[in-house]
């Protein structure tokens, strides 16, 4: 009887660990990867437009800190979109 109780406790601990891992993946890792993709997308668009503008104006091409800050908007938007999608998906399930 004692081994059955300890077996159930260890199974319960494993389920809790798996549950935490699933929640960590849904609510942190997936939104983080989407946010990084959004940042990269915004940053790429900024670099391409600045590069084209520098070719047309024969100016100097450089990336400011403001461009990085502007690209962080892409990170925040994509992070929030994915996070809210996962929350809505979890509430319906």
PDB file of N, CA and C in Angstrom:
ATOM      1  N   UNK A   1       0.821  -1.188   0.000  1.00  0.00           N
ATOM      2  CA  UNK A   1       0.000   0.000   0.000  1.00  0.00           C
ATOM      3  C   UNK A   1       0.867   1.255   0.000  1.00  0.00           C
ATOM      4  N   UNK A   2       1.959   1.198   0.722  1.00  0.00           N
ATOM      5  CA  UNK A   2       2.845   2.346   0.801  1.00  0.00           C
ATOM      6  C   UNK A   2       3.466   2.667  -0.554  1.00  0.00           C
ATOM      7  N   UNK A   3       3.832   1.651  -1.328  1.00  0.00           N
ATOM      8  CA  UNK A   3       4.432   1.890  -2.638  1.00  0.00           C
ATOM      9  C   UNK A   3       3.413   2.475  -3.609  1.00  0.00           C
ATOM     10  N   UNK A   4       2.153   2.130  -3.472  1.00  0.00           N
ATOM     11  CA  UNK A   4       1.118   2.677  -4.347  1.00  0.00           C
ATOM     12  C   UNK A   4       0.937   4.162  -4.073  1.00  0.00           C
ATOM     13  N   UNK A   5       1.019   4.552  -2.817  1.00  0.00           N
ATOM     14  CA  UNK A   5       0.867   5.963  -2.462  1.00  0.00           C
ATOM     15  C   UNK A   5       2.046   6.765  -3.000  1.00  0.00           C
ATOM     16  N   UNK A   6       3.251   6.275  -2.832  1.00  0.00           N
ATOM     17  CA  UNK A   6       4.414   6.999  -3.336  1.00  0.00           C
ATOM     18  C   UNK A   6       4.414   7.029  -4.858  1.00  0.00           C
ATOM     19  N   UNK A   7       3.897   5.982  -5.473  1.00  0.00           N
ATOM     20  CA  UNK A   7       3.813   5.944  -6.926  1.00  0.00           C
ATOM     21  C   UNK A   7       2.847   7.013  -7.429  1.00  0.00           C
ATOM     22  N   UNK A   8       1.711   7.172  -6.759  1.00  0.00           N
ATOM     23  CA  UNK A   8       0.745   8.195  -7.149  1.00  0.00           C
ATOM     24  C   UNK A   8       1.305   9.594  -6.928  1.00  0.00           C
ATOM     25  N   UNK A   9       2.080   9.770  -5.875  1.00  0.00           N
ATOM     26  CA  UNK A   9       2.684  11.076  -5.610  1.00  0.00           C
ATOM     27  C   UNK A   9       3.705  11.417  -6.686  1.00  0.00           C
ATOM     28  N   UNK A  10       4.506  10.441  -7.090  1.00  0.00           N
ATOM     29  CA  UNK A  10       5.504  10.710  -8.129  1.00  0.00           C
ATOM     30  C   UNK A  10       4.832  10.978  -9.473  1.00  0.00           C
ATOM     31  N   UNK A  11       3.733  10.289  -9.765  1.00  0.00           N
ATOM     32  CA  UNK A  11       2.996  10.555 -10.998  1.00  0.00           C
ATOM     33  C   UNK A  11       2.398  11.956 -10.962  1.00  0.00           C
ATOM     34  N   UNK A  12       1.889  12.336  -9.796  1.00  0.00           N
ATOM     35  CA  UNK A  12       1.324  13.676  -9.650  1.00  0.00           C
ATOM     36  C   UNK A  12       2.392  14.748  -9.832  1.00  0.00           C
ATOM     37  N   UNK A  13       3.583  14.509  -9.310  1.00  0.00           N
ATOM     38  CA  UNK A  13       4.681  15.462  -9.465  1.00  0.00           C
ATOM     39  C   UNK A  13       5.095  15.569 -10.933  1.00  0.00           C
ATOM     40  N   UNK A  14       5.122  14.428 -11.620  1.00  0.00           N
ATOM     41  CA  UNK A  14       5.466  14.452 -13.052  1.00  0.00           C
ATOM     42  C   UNK A  14       4.427  15.207 -13.857  1.00  0.00           C
ATOM     43  N   UNK A  15       3.148  15.034 -13.529  1.00  0.00           N
ATOM     44  CA  UNK A  15       2.093  15.758 -14.237  1.00  0.00           C
ATOM     45  C   UNK A  15       2.196  17.255 -14.001  1.00  0.00           C
ATOM     46  N   UNK A  16       2.525  17.644 -12.773  1.00  0.00           N
ATOM     47  CA  UNK A  16       2.683  19.067 -12.472  1.00  0.00           C
ATOM     48  C   UNK A  16       3.867  19.650 -13.230  1.00  0.00           C
ATOM     49  N   UNK A  17       4.971  18.908 -13.302  1.00  0.00           N
ATOM     50  CA  UNK A  17       6.146  19.379 -14.042  1.00  0.00           C
ATOM     51  C   UNK A  17       5.830  19.511 -15.525  1.00  0.00           C
ATOM     52  N   UNK A  18       5.112  18.544 -16.079  1.00  0.00           N
ATOM     53  CA  UNK A  18       4.732  18.624 -17.486  1.00  0.00           C
ATOM     54  C   UNK A  18       3.772  19.781 -17.717  1.00  0.00           C
ATOM     55  N   UNK A  19       2.859  19.994 -16.770  1.00  0.00           N
ATOM     56  CA  UNK A  19       1.907  21.090 -16.886  1.00  0.00           C
ATOM     57  C   UNK A  19       2.631  22.432 -16.866  1.00  0.00           C
ATOM     58  N   UNK A  20       3.618  22.574 -15.994  1.00  0.00           N
ATOM     59  CA  UNK A  20       4.397  23.810 -15.954  1.00  0.00           C
ATOM     60  C   UNK A  20       5.183  24.001 -17.240  1.00  0.00           C
ATOM     61  N   UNK A  21       5.718  22.910 -17.773  1.00  0.00           N
ATOM     62  CA  UNK A  21       6.485  22.999 -19.017  1.00  0.00           C
ATOM     63  C   UNK A  21       5.591  23.416 -20.179  1.00  0.00           C
ATOM     64  N   UNK A  22       4.381  22.874 -20.229  1.00  0.00           N
ATOM     65  CA  UNK A  22       3.438  23.236 -21.290  1.00  0.00           C
ATOM     66  C   UNK A  22       3.034  24.703 -21.158  1.00  0.00           C
ATOM     67  N   UNK A  23       2.752  25.142 -19.941  1.00  0.00           N
ATOM     68  CA  UNK A  23       2.374  26.545 -19.731  1.00  0.00           C
ATOM     69  C   UNK A  23       3.540  27.481 -20.043  1.00  0.00           C
ATOM     70  N   UNK A  24       4.741  27.101 -19.666  1.00  0.00           N
ATOM     71  CA  UNK A  24       5.928  27.909 -19.977  1.00  0.00           C
ATOM     72  C   UNK A  24       6.104  28.034 -21.482  1.00  0.00           C
ATOM     73  N   UNK A  25       5.883  26.933 -22.189  1.00  0.00           N
ATOM     74  CA  UNK A  25       5.994  26.951 -23.642  1.00  0.00           C
ATOM     75  C   UNK A  25       4.901  27.827 -24.261  1.00  0.00           C
ATOM     76  N   UNK A  26       3.654  27.656 -23.802  1.00  0.00           N
ATOM     77  CA  UNK A  26       2.533  28.402 -24.379  1.00  0.00           C
ATOM     78  C   UNK A  26       2.590  29.895 -24.075  1.00  0.00           C
ATOM     79  N   UNK A  27       2.942  30.230 -22.860  1.00  0.00           N
ATOM     80  CA  UNK A  27       2.828  31.618 -22.424  1.00  0.00           C
ATOM     81  C   UNK A  27       4.138  32.389 -22.406  1.00  0.00           C
ATOM     82  N   UNK A  28       5.266  31.729 -22.707  1.00  0.00           N
ATOM     83  CA  UNK A  28       6.526  32.462 -22.745  1.00  0.00           C
ATOM     84  C   UNK A  28       7.348  32.160 -24.002  1.00  0.00           C
ATOM     85  N   UNK A  29       7.628  30.894 -24.268  1.00  0.00           N
ATOM     86  CA  UNK A  29       8.531  30.566 -25.381  1.00  0.00           C
ATOM     87  C   UNK A  29       7.923  30.863 -26.745  1.00  0.00           C
ATOM     88  N   UNK A  30       6.669  30.468 -26.968  1.00  0.00           N
ATOM     89  CA  UNK A  30       6.044  30.745 -28.253  1.00  0.00           C
ATOM     90  C   UNK A  30       5.865  32.248 -28.485  1.00  0.00           C
ATOM     91  N   UNK A  31       5.357  33.014 -27.500  1.00  0.00           N
ATOM     92  CA  UNK A  31       5.295  34.465 -27.724  1.00  0.00           C
ATOM     93  C   UNK A  31       6.666  35.108 -27.888  1.00  0.00           C
ATOM     94  N   UNK A  32       7.674  34.606 -27.176  1.00  0.00           N
ATOM     95  CA  UNK A  32       9.020  35.160 -27.308  1.00  0.00           C
ATOM     96  C   UNK A  32       9.575  34.938 -28.718  1.00  0.00           C
ATOM     97  N   UNK A  33       9.387  33.739 -29.254  1.00  0.00           N
ATOM     98  CA  UNK A  33       9.878  33.476 -30.607  1.00  0.00           C
ATOM     99  C   UNK A  33       9.103  34.294 -31.635  1.00  0.00           C
ATOM    100  N   UNK A  34       7.811  34.482 -31.426  1.00  0.00           N
ATOM    101  CA  UNK A  34       7.035  35.339 -32.330  1.00  0.00           C
ATOM    102  C   UNK A  34       7.490  36.785 -32.219  1.00  0.00           C
ATOM    103  N   UNK A  35       7.805  37.229 -31.013  1.00  0.00           N
ATOM    104  CA  UNK A  35       8.290  38.584 -30.815  1.00  0.00           C
ATOM    105  C   UNK A  35       9.626  38.824 -31.496  1.00  0.00           C
ATOM    106  N   UNK A  36      10.508  37.851 -31.419  1.00  0.00           N
ATOM    107  CA  UNK A  36      11.800  37.971 -32.096  1.00  0.00           C
ATOM    108  C   UNK A  36      11.604  38.018 -33.603  1.00  0.00           C
ATOM    109  N   UNK A  37      10.664  37.218 -34.105  1.00  0.00           N
ATOM    110  CA  UNK A  37      10.357  37.256 -35.533  1.00  0.00           C
ATOM    111  C   UNK A  37       9.804  38.632 -35.924  1.00  0.00           C
ATOM    112  N   UNK A  38       8.916  39.205 -35.095  1.00  0.00           N
ATOM    113  CA  UNK A  38       8.368  40.529 -35.375  1.00  0.00           C
ATOM    114  C   UNK A  38       9.442  41.602 -35.362  1.00  0.00           C
ATOM    115  N   UNK A  39      10.363  41.506 -34.408  1.00  0.00           N
ATOM    116  CA  UNK A  39      11.476  42.447 -34.357  1.00  0.00           C
ATOM    117  C   UNK A  39      12.320  42.344 -35.617  1.00  0.00           C
ATOM    118  N   UNK A  40      12.651  41.126 -36.009  1.00  0.00           N
ATOM    119  CA  UNK A  40      13.483  40.918 -37.191  1.00  0.00           C
ATOM    120  C   UNK A  40      12.782  41.419 -38.450  1.00  0.00           C
ATOM    121  N   UNK A  41      11.476  41.203 -38.525  1.00  0.00           N
ATOM    122  CA  UNK A  41      10.713  41.656 -39.686  1.00  0.00           C
ATOM    123  C   UNK A  41      10.715  43.181 -39.781  1.00  0.00           C
ATOM    124  N   UNK A  42      10.409  43.855 -38.679  1.00  0.00           N
ATOM    125  CA  UNK A  42      10.414  45.317 -38.672  1.00  0.00           C
ATOM    126  C   UNK A  42      11.814  45.864 -38.953  1.00  0.00           C
ATOM    127  N   UNK A  43      12.820  45.264 -38.354  1.00  0.00           N
ATOM    128  CA  UNK A  43      14.190  45.728 -38.534  1.00  0.00           C
ATOM    129  C   UNK A  43      14.636  45.550 -39.983  1.00  0.00           C
ATOM    130  N   UNK A  44      14.267  44.424 -40.584  1.00  0.00           N
ATOM    131  CA  UNK A  44      14.606  44.177 -41.982  1.00  0.00           C
ATOM    132  C   UNK A  44      13.938  45.192 -42.897  1.00  0.00           C
ATOM    133  N   UNK A  45      12.676  45.481 -42.648  1.00  0.00           N
ATOM    134  CA  UNK A  45      11.966  46.467 -43.461  1.00  0.00           C
ATOM    135  C   UNK A  45      12.622  47.833 -43.321  1.00  0.00           C
ATOM    136  N   UNK A  46      12.996  48.201 -42.102  1.00  0.00           N
ATOM    137  CA  UNK A  46      13.673  49.485 -41.898  1.00  0.00           C
ATOM    138  C   UNK A  46      15.014  49.547 -42.627  1.00  0.00           C
ATOM    139  N   UNK A  47      15.775  48.487 -42.542  1.00  0.00           N
ATOM    140  CA  UNK A  47      17.087  48.475 -43.195  1.00  0.00           C
ATOM    141  C   UNK A  47      16.934  48.549 -44.716  1.00  0.00           C
ATOM    142  N   UNK A  48      15.990  47.799 -45.264  1.00  0.00           N
ATOM    143  CA  UNK A  48      15.791  47.811 -46.712  1.00  0.00           C
ATOM    144  C   UNK A  48      15.349  49.194 -47.186  1.00  0.00           C
ATOM    145  N   UNK A  49      14.414  49.819 -46.462  1.00  0.00           N
ATOM    146  CA  UNK A  49      13.967  51.149 -46.886  1.00  0.00           C
ATOM    147  C   UNK A  49      15.073  52.183 -46.743  1.00  0.00           C
ATOM    148  N   UNK A  50      15.853  52.108 -45.687  1.00  0.00           N
ATOM    149  CA  UNK A  50      16.977  53.048 -45.528  1.00  0.00           C
ATOM    150  C   UNK A  50      18.047  52.811 -46.591  1.00  0.00           C
ATOM    151  N   UNK A  51      18.277  51.556 -46.922  1.00  0.00           N
ATOM    152  CA  UNK A  51      19.261  51.234 -47.951  1.00  0.00           C
ATOM    153  C   UNK A  51      18.818  51.772 -49.311  1.00  0.00           C
ATOM    154  N   UNK A  52      17.549  51.581 -49.636  1.00  0.00           N
ATOM    155  CA  UNK A  52      17.035  52.117 -50.899  1.00  0.00           C
ATOM    156  C   UNK A  52      17.072  53.639 -50.914  1.00  0.00           C
ATOM    157  N   UNK A  53      16.729  54.251 -49.804  1.00  0.00           N
ATOM    158  CA  UNK A  53      16.764  55.717 -49.734  1.00  0.00           C
ATOM    159  C   UNK A  53      18.192  56.232 -49.867  1.00  0.00           C
ATOM    160  N   UNK A  54      19.148  55.531 -49.302  1.00  0.00           N
ATOM    161  CA  UNK A  54      20.540  55.977 -49.419  1.00  0.00           C
ATOM    162  C   UNK A  54      21.059  55.816 -50.848  1.00  0.00           C
ATOM    163  N   UNK A  55      20.585  54.782 -51.554  1.00  0.00           N
ATOM    164  CA  UNK A  55      20.976  54.629 -52.956  1.00  0.00           C
ATOM    165  C   UNK A  55      20.363  55.709 -53.831  1.00  0.00           C
ATOM    166  N   UNK A  56      19.110  56.048 -53.569  1.00  0.00           N
ATOM    167  CA  UNK A  56      18.440  57.062 -54.385  1.00  0.00           C
ATOM    168  C   UNK A  56      18.982  58.469 -54.125  1.00  0.00           C
ATOM    169  N   UNK A  57      19.321  58.751 -52.892  1.00  0.00           N
ATOM    170  CA  UNK A  57      19.824  60.081 -52.543  1.00  0.00           C
ATOM    171  C   UNK A  57      21.345  60.153 -52.538  1.00  0.00           C
ATOM    172  N   UNK A  58      21.998  59.052 -52.778  1.00  0.00           N
ATOM    173  CA  UNK A  58      23.459  58.959 -52.709  1.00  0.00           C
ATOM    174  C   UNK A  58      23.957  59.435 -51.352  1.00  0.00           C
ATOM    175  N   UNK A  59      23.220  59.080 -50.329  1.00  0.00           N
ATOM    176  CA  UNK A  59      23.586  59.470 -48.972  1.00  0.00           C
ATOM    177  C   UNK A  59      24.311  58.351 -48.266  1.00  0.00           C
ATOM    178  N   UNK A  60      24.530  58.570 -47.000  1.00  0.00           N
ATOM    179  CA  UNK A  60      25.232  57.591 -46.168  1.00  0.00           C
ATOM    180  C   UNK A  60      24.199  56.701 -45.484  1.00  0.00           C
ATOM    181  N   UNK A  61      24.466  55.424 -45.501  1.00  0.00           N
ATOM    182  CA  UNK A  61      23.586  54.455 -44.856  1.00  0.00           C
ATOM    183  C   UNK A  61      24.084  54.175 -43.450  1.00  0.00           C
ATOM    184  N   UNK A  62      23.231  54.392 -42.460  1.00  0.00           N
ATOM    185  CA  UNK A  62      23.568  54.055 -41.087  1.00  0.00           C
ATOM    186  C   UNK A  62      22.300  53.700 -40.327  1.00  0.00           C
ATOM    187  N   UNK A  63      22.472  52.911 -39.287  1.00  0.00           N
ATOM    188  CA  UNK A  63      21.358  52.473 -38.454  1.00  0.00           C
ATOM    189  C   UNK A  63      21.509  53.136 -37.098  1.00  0.00           C
ATOM    190  N   UNK A  64      20.485  53.856 -36.697  1.00  0.00           N
ATOM    191  CA  UNK A  64      20.476  54.530 -35.406  1.00  0.00           C
ATOM    192  C   UNK A  64      19.885  53.645 -34.324  1.00  0.00           C
ATOM    193  N   UNK A  65      20.035  54.105 -33.099  1.00  0.00           N
ATOM    194  CA  UNK A  65      19.391  53.436 -31.976  1.00  0.00           C
ATOM    195  C   UNK A  65      17.879  53.586 -32.079  1.00  0.00           C
ATOM    196  N   UNK A  66      17.431  54.664 -32.691  1.00  0.00           N
ATOM    197  CA  UNK A  66      15.994  54.866 -32.885  1.00  0.00           C
ATOM    198  C   UNK A  66      15.382  53.775 -33.766  1.00  0.00           C
ATOM    199  N   UNK A  67      16.143  53.263 -34.699  1.00  0.00           N
ATOM    200  CA  UNK A  67      15.659  52.178 -35.550  1.00  0.00           C
ATOM    201  C   UNK A  67      15.452  50.901 -34.739  1.00  0.00           C
ATOM    202  N   UNK A  68      16.333  50.665 -33.804  1.00  0.00           N
ATOM    203  CA  UNK A  68      16.192  49.497 -32.936  1.00  0.00           C
ATOM    204  C   UNK A  68      14.976  49.662 -32.035  1.00  0.00           C
ATOM    205  N   UNK A  69      14.777  50.864 -31.517  1.00  0.00           N
ATOM    206  CA  UNK A  69      13.607  51.126 -30.679  1.00  0.00           C
ATOM    207  C   UNK A  69      12.328  50.963 -31.485  1.00  0.00           C
ATOM    208  N   UNK A  70      12.325  51.463 -32.706  1.00  0.00           N
ATOM    209  CA  UNK A  70      11.159  51.322 -33.571  1.00  0.00           C
ATOM    210  C   UNK A  70      10.890  49.858 -33.894  1.00  0.00           C
ATOM    211  N   UNK A  71      11.921  49.084 -34.064  1.00  0.00           N
ATOM    212  CA  UNK A  71      11.755  47.655 -34.334  1.00  0.00           C
ATOM    213  C   UNK A  71      11.232  46.911 -33.118  1.00  0.00           C
ATOM    214  N   UNK A  72      11.473  47.445 -31.938  1.00  0.00           N
ATOM    215  CA  UNK A  72      10.947  46.795 -30.740  1.00  0.00           C
ATOM    216  C   UNK A  72       9.429  46.856 -30.693  1.00  0.00           C
ATOM    217  N   UNK A  73       8.837  47.787 -31.434  1.00  0.00           N
ATOM    218  CA  UNK A  73       7.378  47.805 -31.553  1.00  0.00           C
ATOM    219  C   UNK A  73       6.906  46.514 -32.211  1.00  0.00           C
ATOM    220  N   UNK A  74       7.644  46.043 -33.204  1.00  0.00           N
ATOM    221  CA  UNK A  74       7.321  44.774 -33.842  1.00  0.00           C
ATOM    222  C   UNK A  74       7.415  43.615 -32.868  1.00  0.00           C
ATOM    223  N   UNK A  75       8.429  43.659 -32.007  1.00  0.00           N
ATOM    224  CA  UNK A  75       8.557  42.616 -30.988  1.00  0.00           C
ATOM    225  C   UNK A  75       7.353  42.617 -30.058  1.00  0.00           C
ATOM    226  N   UNK A  76       6.994  43.797 -29.573  1.00  0.00           N
ATOM    227  CA  UNK A  76       5.889  43.898 -28.620  1.00  0.00           C
ATOM    228  C   UNK A  76       4.574  43.469 -29.258  1.00  0.00           C
ATOM    229  N   UNK A  77       4.330  43.917 -30.479  1.00  0.00           N
ATOM    230  CA  UNK A  77       3.082  43.556 -31.151  1.00  0.00           C
ATOM    231  C   UNK A  77       2.964  42.057 -31.376  1.00  0.00           C
ATOM    232  N   UNK A  78       3.994  41.459 -31.919  1.00  0.00           N
ATOM    233  CA  UNK A  78       3.932  40.022 -32.197  1.00  0.00           C
ATOM    234  C   UNK A  78       3.894  39.189 -30.914  1.00  0.00           C
ATOM    235  N   UNK A  79       4.619  39.638 -29.880  1.00  0.00           N
ATOM    236  CA  UNK A  79       4.585  38.942 -28.592  1.00  0.00           C
ATOM    237  C   UNK A  79       3.175  38.956 -28.026  1.00  0.00           C
ATOM    238  N   UNK A  80       2.548  40.132 -28.026  1.00  0.00           N
ATOM    239  CA  UNK A  80       1.201  40.240 -27.471  1.00  0.00           C
ATOM    240  C   UNK A  80       0.167  39.487 -28.292  1.00  0.00           C
ATOM    241  N   UNK A  81       0.290  39.525 -29.606  1.00  0.00           N
ATOM    242  CA  UNK A  81      -0.657  38.802 -30.451  1.00  0.00           C
ATOM    243  C   UNK A  81      -0.595  37.305 -30.164  1.00  0.00           C
ATOM    244  N   UNK A  82       0.611  36.753 -30.119  1.00  0.00           N
ATOM    245  CA  UNK A  82       0.759  35.307 -29.870  1.00  0.00           C
ATOM    246  C   UNK A  82       0.318  34.949 -28.453  1.00  0.00           C
ATOM    247  N   UNK A  83       0.648  35.790 -27.488  1.00  0.00           N
ATOM    248  CA  UNK A  83       0.239  35.522 -26.105  1.00  0.00           C
ATOM    249  C   UNK A  83      -1.275  35.520 -25.976  1.00  0.00           C
ATOM    250  N   UNK A  84      -1.932  36.498 -26.567  1.00  0.00           N
ATOM    251  CA  UNK A  84      -3.386  36.567 -26.493  1.00  0.00           C
ATOM    252  C   UNK A  84      -4.055  35.439 -27.267  1.00  0.00           C
ATOM    253  N   UNK A  85      -3.461  35.014 -28.374  1.00  0.00           N
ATOM    254  CA  UNK A  85      -3.978  33.853 -29.097  1.00  0.00           C
ATOM    255  C   UNK A  85      -3.919  32.600 -28.222  1.00  0.00           C
ATOM    256  N   UNK A  86      -2.800  32.407 -27.542  1.00  0.00           N
ATOM    257  CA  UNK A  86      -2.656  31.226 -26.684  1.00  0.00           C
ATOM    258  C   UNK A  86      -3.611  31.273 -25.502  1.00  0.00           C
ATOM    259  N   UNK A  87      -3.826  32.454 -24.944  1.00  0.00           N
ATOM    260  CA  UNK A  87      -4.759  32.581 -23.822  1.00  0.00           C
ATOM    261  C   UNK A  87      -6.177  32.270 -24.292  1.00  0.00           C
ATOM    262  N   UNK A  88      -6.580  32.825 -25.441  1.00  0.00           N
ATOM    263  CA  UNK A  88      -7.923  32.584 -25.969  1.00  0.00           C
ATOM    264  C   UNK A  88      -8.105  31.122 -26.332  1.00  0.00           C
ATOM    265  N   UNK A  89      -7.088  30.504 -26.893  1.00  0.00           N
ATOM    266  CA  UNK A  89      -7.154  29.101 -27.269  1.00  0.00           C
ATOM    267  C   UNK A  89      -7.296  28.209 -26.037  1.00  0.00           C
ATOM    268  N   UNK A  90      -6.615  28.565 -24.961  1.00  0.00           N
ATOM    269  CA  UNK A  90      -6.650  27.777 -23.742  1.00  0.00           C
ATOM    270  C   UNK A  90      -8.003  27.913 -23.042  1.00  0.00           C
ATOM    271  N   UNK A  91      -8.633  29.086 -23.122  1.00  0.00           N
ATOM    272  CA  UNK A  91      -9.927  29.282 -22.463  1.00  0.00           C
ATOM    273  C   UNK A  91     -11.035  28.525 -23.178  1.00  0.00           C
ATOM    274  N   UNK A  92     -10.939  28.364 -24.496  1.00  0.00           N
ATOM    275  CA  UNK A  92     -11.961  27.634 -25.225  1.00  0.00           C
ATOM    276  C   UNK A  92     -11.782  26.133 -25.085  1.00  0.00           C
ATOM    277  N   UNK A  93     -10.578  25.675 -24.811  1.00  0.00           N
ATOM    278  CA  UNK A  93     -10.320  24.238 -24.709  1.00  0.00           C
ATOM    279  C   UNK A  93     -10.720  23.677 -23.374  1.00  0.00           C
TER     280      UNK A  93
END
